[in-house]
Amino acid sequence: MKPIVKGSREYWERNWNDKTSSRPKKETQKQMILNALKSGASLTQLDVYEYPYRCTRLAAVVNVLRNEGHNIITKHIKNGKGKTYGEYRLIPSIKDWAE
């Protein structure tokens, strides 16, 4: 059997596409935002723009979470300069309390 050369396609497939790999999965933006909302936090675009979320479209993520069945409310807030932004909060369901 021929040895697998580092950098070859076979090496890459064996080391990076292995479904049984022990590498920890990276938490997605959606998961991080949902976990923050489940912990009782209220989030605005400014809150999630920087590390660790680095999310530039919070409204889109919230829309996806709503489509998955999460009860997220939006509170519209007006700042001192007359600009309006949304603050998102999760209303926990009975299913969420059981977790």
C-alpha atoms as a PDB file:
ATOM      1  CA  MET A   1       0.000   0.000   0.000  1.00  0.00           C
ATOM      2  CA  LYS A   2       1.289   3.406  -0.978  1.00  0.00           C
ATOM      3  CA  PRO A   3       1.851   5.896   1.882  1.00  0.00           C
ATOM      4  CA  ILE A   4      -0.448   8.919   1.964  1.00  0.00           C
ATOM      5  CA  VAL A   5       1.455  12.097   1.131  1.00  0.00           C
ATOM      6  CA  LYS A   6       0.756  15.093   3.355  1.00  0.00           C
ATOM      7  CA  GLY A   7      -1.104  17.725   1.340  1.00  0.00           C
ATOM      8  CA  SER A   8      -2.604  15.208  -1.090  1.00  0.00           C
ATOM      9  CA  ARG A   9      -6.317  14.818  -1.677  1.00  0.00           C
ATOM     10  CA  GLU A  10      -6.333  11.494   0.180  1.00  0.00           C
ATOM     11  CA  TYR A  11      -4.651  13.104   3.192  1.00  0.00           C
ATOM     12  CA  TRP A  12      -7.166  15.935   3.196  1.00  0.00           C
ATOM     13  CA  GLU A  13     -10.180  13.616   2.886  1.00  0.00           C
ATOM     14  CA  ARG A  14      -8.944  11.360   5.664  1.00  0.00           C
ATOM     15  CA  ASN A  15      -8.146  14.174   8.093  1.00  0.00           C
ATOM     16  CA  TRP A  16     -10.827  16.780   7.395  1.00  0.00           C
ATOM     17  CA  ASN A  17     -13.887  14.914   6.149  1.00  0.00           C
ATOM     18  CA  ASP A  18     -13.860  12.265   8.859  1.00  0.00           C
ATOM     19  CA  LYS A  19     -17.342  12.277  10.416  1.00  0.00           C
ATOM     20  CA  THR A  20     -16.033  10.375  13.452  1.00  0.00           C
ATOM     21  CA  SER A  21     -13.309  12.920  14.111  1.00  0.00           C
ATOM     22  CA  SER A  22     -12.795  14.007  17.698  1.00  0.00           C
ATOM     23  CA  ARG A  23     -12.415  17.643  16.654  1.00  0.00           C
ATOM     24  CA  PRO A  24     -14.935  19.814  18.499  1.00  0.00           C
ATOM     25  CA  LYS A  25     -17.576  21.411  16.318  1.00  0.00           C
ATOM     26  CA  LYS A  26     -17.449  25.188  16.047  1.00  0.00           C
ATOM     27  CA  GLU A  27     -20.575  26.847  17.398  1.00  0.00           C
ATOM     28  CA  THR A  28     -22.440  28.726  14.663  1.00  0.00           C
ATOM     29  CA  GLN A  29     -23.640  32.322  14.923  1.00  0.00           C
ATOM     30  CA  LYS A  30     -27.199  31.078  15.074  1.00  0.00           C
ATOM     31  CA  GLN A  31     -26.411  28.724  17.964  1.00  0.00           C
ATOM     32  CA  MET A  32     -24.511  31.428  19.869  1.00  0.00           C
ATOM     33  CA  ILE A  33     -27.335  33.935  19.437  1.00  0.00           C
ATOM     34  CA  LEU A  34     -29.983  31.391  20.449  1.00  0.00           C
ATOM     35  CA  ASN A  35     -27.968  30.404  23.537  1.00  0.00           C
ATOM     36  CA  ALA A  36     -27.609  34.061  24.538  1.00  0.00           C
ATOM     37  CA  LEU A  37     -31.341  34.636  24.101  1.00  0.00           C
ATOM     38  CA  LYS A  38     -32.148  31.456  26.065  1.00  0.00           C
ATOM     39  CA  SER A  39     -29.974  32.717  28.920  1.00  0.00           C
ATOM     40  CA  GLY A  40     -32.226  35.781  29.173  1.00  0.00           C
ATOM     41  CA  ALA A  41     -30.131  38.315  27.275  1.00  0.00           C
ATOM     42  CA  SER A  42     -31.679  40.926  25.023  1.00  0.00           C
ATOM     43  CA  LEU A  43     -29.617  41.555  21.894  1.00  0.00           C
ATOM     44  CA  THR A  44     -29.232  44.440  19.480  1.00  0.00           C
ATOM     45  CA  GLN A  45     -27.218  44.615  16.269  1.00  0.00           C
ATOM     46  CA  LEU A  46     -24.510  46.534  18.111  1.00  0.00           C
ATOM     47  CA  ASP A  47     -24.248  43.750  20.729  1.00  0.00           C
ATOM     48  CA  VAL A  48     -23.595  41.008  18.171  1.00  0.00           C
ATOM     49  CA  TYR A  49     -21.419  42.927  15.731  1.00  0.00           C
ATOM     50  CA  GLU A  50     -18.180  42.175  17.564  1.00  0.00           C
ATOM     51  CA  TYR A  51     -16.534  39.067  18.990  1.00  0.00           C
ATOM     52  CA  PRO A  52     -17.664  36.367  19.728  1.00  0.00           C
ATOM     53  CA  TYR A  53     -20.741  36.656  17.477  1.00  0.00           C
ATOM     54  CA  ARG A  54     -19.362  38.763  14.594  1.00  0.00           C
ATOM     55  CA  CYS A  55     -22.841  38.900  13.091  1.00  0.00           C
ATOM     56  CA  THR A  56     -23.653  41.682  10.647  1.00  0.00           C
ATOM     57  CA  ARG A  57     -27.287  40.662  10.014  1.00  0.00           C
ATOM     58  CA  LEU A  58     -28.955  39.916  13.339  1.00  0.00           C
ATOM     59  CA  ALA A  59     -32.445  40.440  11.878  1.00  0.00           C
ATOM     60  CA  ALA A  60     -31.827  37.630   9.369  1.00  0.00           C
ATOM     61  CA  VAL A  61     -30.667  35.230  12.096  1.00  0.00           C
ATOM     62  CA  VAL A  62     -33.689  36.141  14.230  1.00  0.00           C
ATOM     63  CA  ASN A  63     -35.951  35.484  11.232  1.00  0.00           C
ATOM     64  CA  VAL A  64     -34.450  32.004  10.798  1.00  0.00           C
ATOM     65  CA  LEU A  65     -34.925  31.295  14.518  1.00  0.00           C
ATOM     66  CA  ARG A  66     -38.534  32.469  14.333  1.00  0.00           C
ATOM     67  CA  ASN A  67     -39.141  30.177  11.353  1.00  0.00           C
ATOM     68  CA  GLU A  68     -37.789  27.306  13.464  1.00  0.00           C
ATOM     69  CA  GLY A  69     -40.493  28.038  16.044  1.00  0.00           C
ATOM     70  CA  HIS A  70     -38.727  30.225  18.620  1.00  0.00           C
ATOM     71  CA  ASN A  71     -40.875  33.003  20.100  1.00  0.00           C
ATOM     72  CA  ILE A  72     -38.649  36.074  19.714  1.00  0.00           C
ATOM     73  CA  ILE A  73     -40.082  39.546  20.213  1.00  0.00           C
ATOM     74  CA  THR A  74     -38.723  42.818  18.880  1.00  0.00           C
ATOM     75  CA  LYS A  75     -38.764  46.023  20.883  1.00  0.00           C
ATOM     76  CA  HIS A  76     -38.219  49.101  18.717  1.00  0.00           C
ATOM     77  CA  ILE A  77     -36.007  51.659  20.456  1.00  0.00           C
ATOM     78  CA  LYS A  78     -35.332  55.214  19.345  1.00  0.00           C
ATOM     79  CA  ASN A  79     -31.936  56.666  20.258  1.00  0.00           C
ATOM     80  CA  GLY A  80     -31.199  60.329  21.024  1.00  0.00           C
ATOM     81  CA  LYS A  81     -30.616  61.140  17.351  1.00  0.00           C
ATOM     82  CA  GLY A  82     -34.004  59.837  16.230  1.00  0.00           C
ATOM     83  CA  LYS A  83     -32.682  56.564  14.769  1.00  0.00           C
ATOM     84  CA  THR A  84     -34.671  53.402  15.487  1.00  0.00           C
ATOM     85  CA  TYR A  85     -33.184  49.972  16.123  1.00  0.00           C
ATOM     86  CA  GLY A  86     -34.507  46.624  17.289  1.00  0.00           C
ATOM     87  CA  GLU A  87     -33.826  44.837  20.549  1.00  0.00           C
ATOM     88  CA  TYR A  88     -34.589  41.111  20.431  1.00  0.00           C
ATOM     89  CA  ARG A  89     -35.658  38.946  23.363  1.00  0.00           C
ATOM     90  CA  LEU A  90     -36.751  35.313  23.560  1.00  0.00           C
ATOM     91  CA  ILE A  91     -40.021  34.496  25.283  1.00  0.00           C
ATOM     92  CA  PRO A  92     -39.376  31.024  26.732  1.00  0.00           C
ATOM     93  CA  SER A  93     -41.849  28.265  25.988  1.00  0.00           C
ATOM     94  CA  ILE A  94     -42.668  25.374  28.296  1.00  0.00           C
ATOM     95  CA  LYS A  95     -40.396  23.215  26.130  1.00  0.00           C
ATOM     96  CA  ASP A  96     -37.469  25.594  26.839  1.00  0.00           C
ATOM     97  CA  TRP A  97     -38.084  25.401  30.600  1.00  0.00           C
ATOM     98  CA  ALA A  98     -37.759  21.623  30.523  1.00  0.00           C
ATOM     99  CA  GLU A  99     -34.210  21.811  29.129  1.00  0.00           C
END
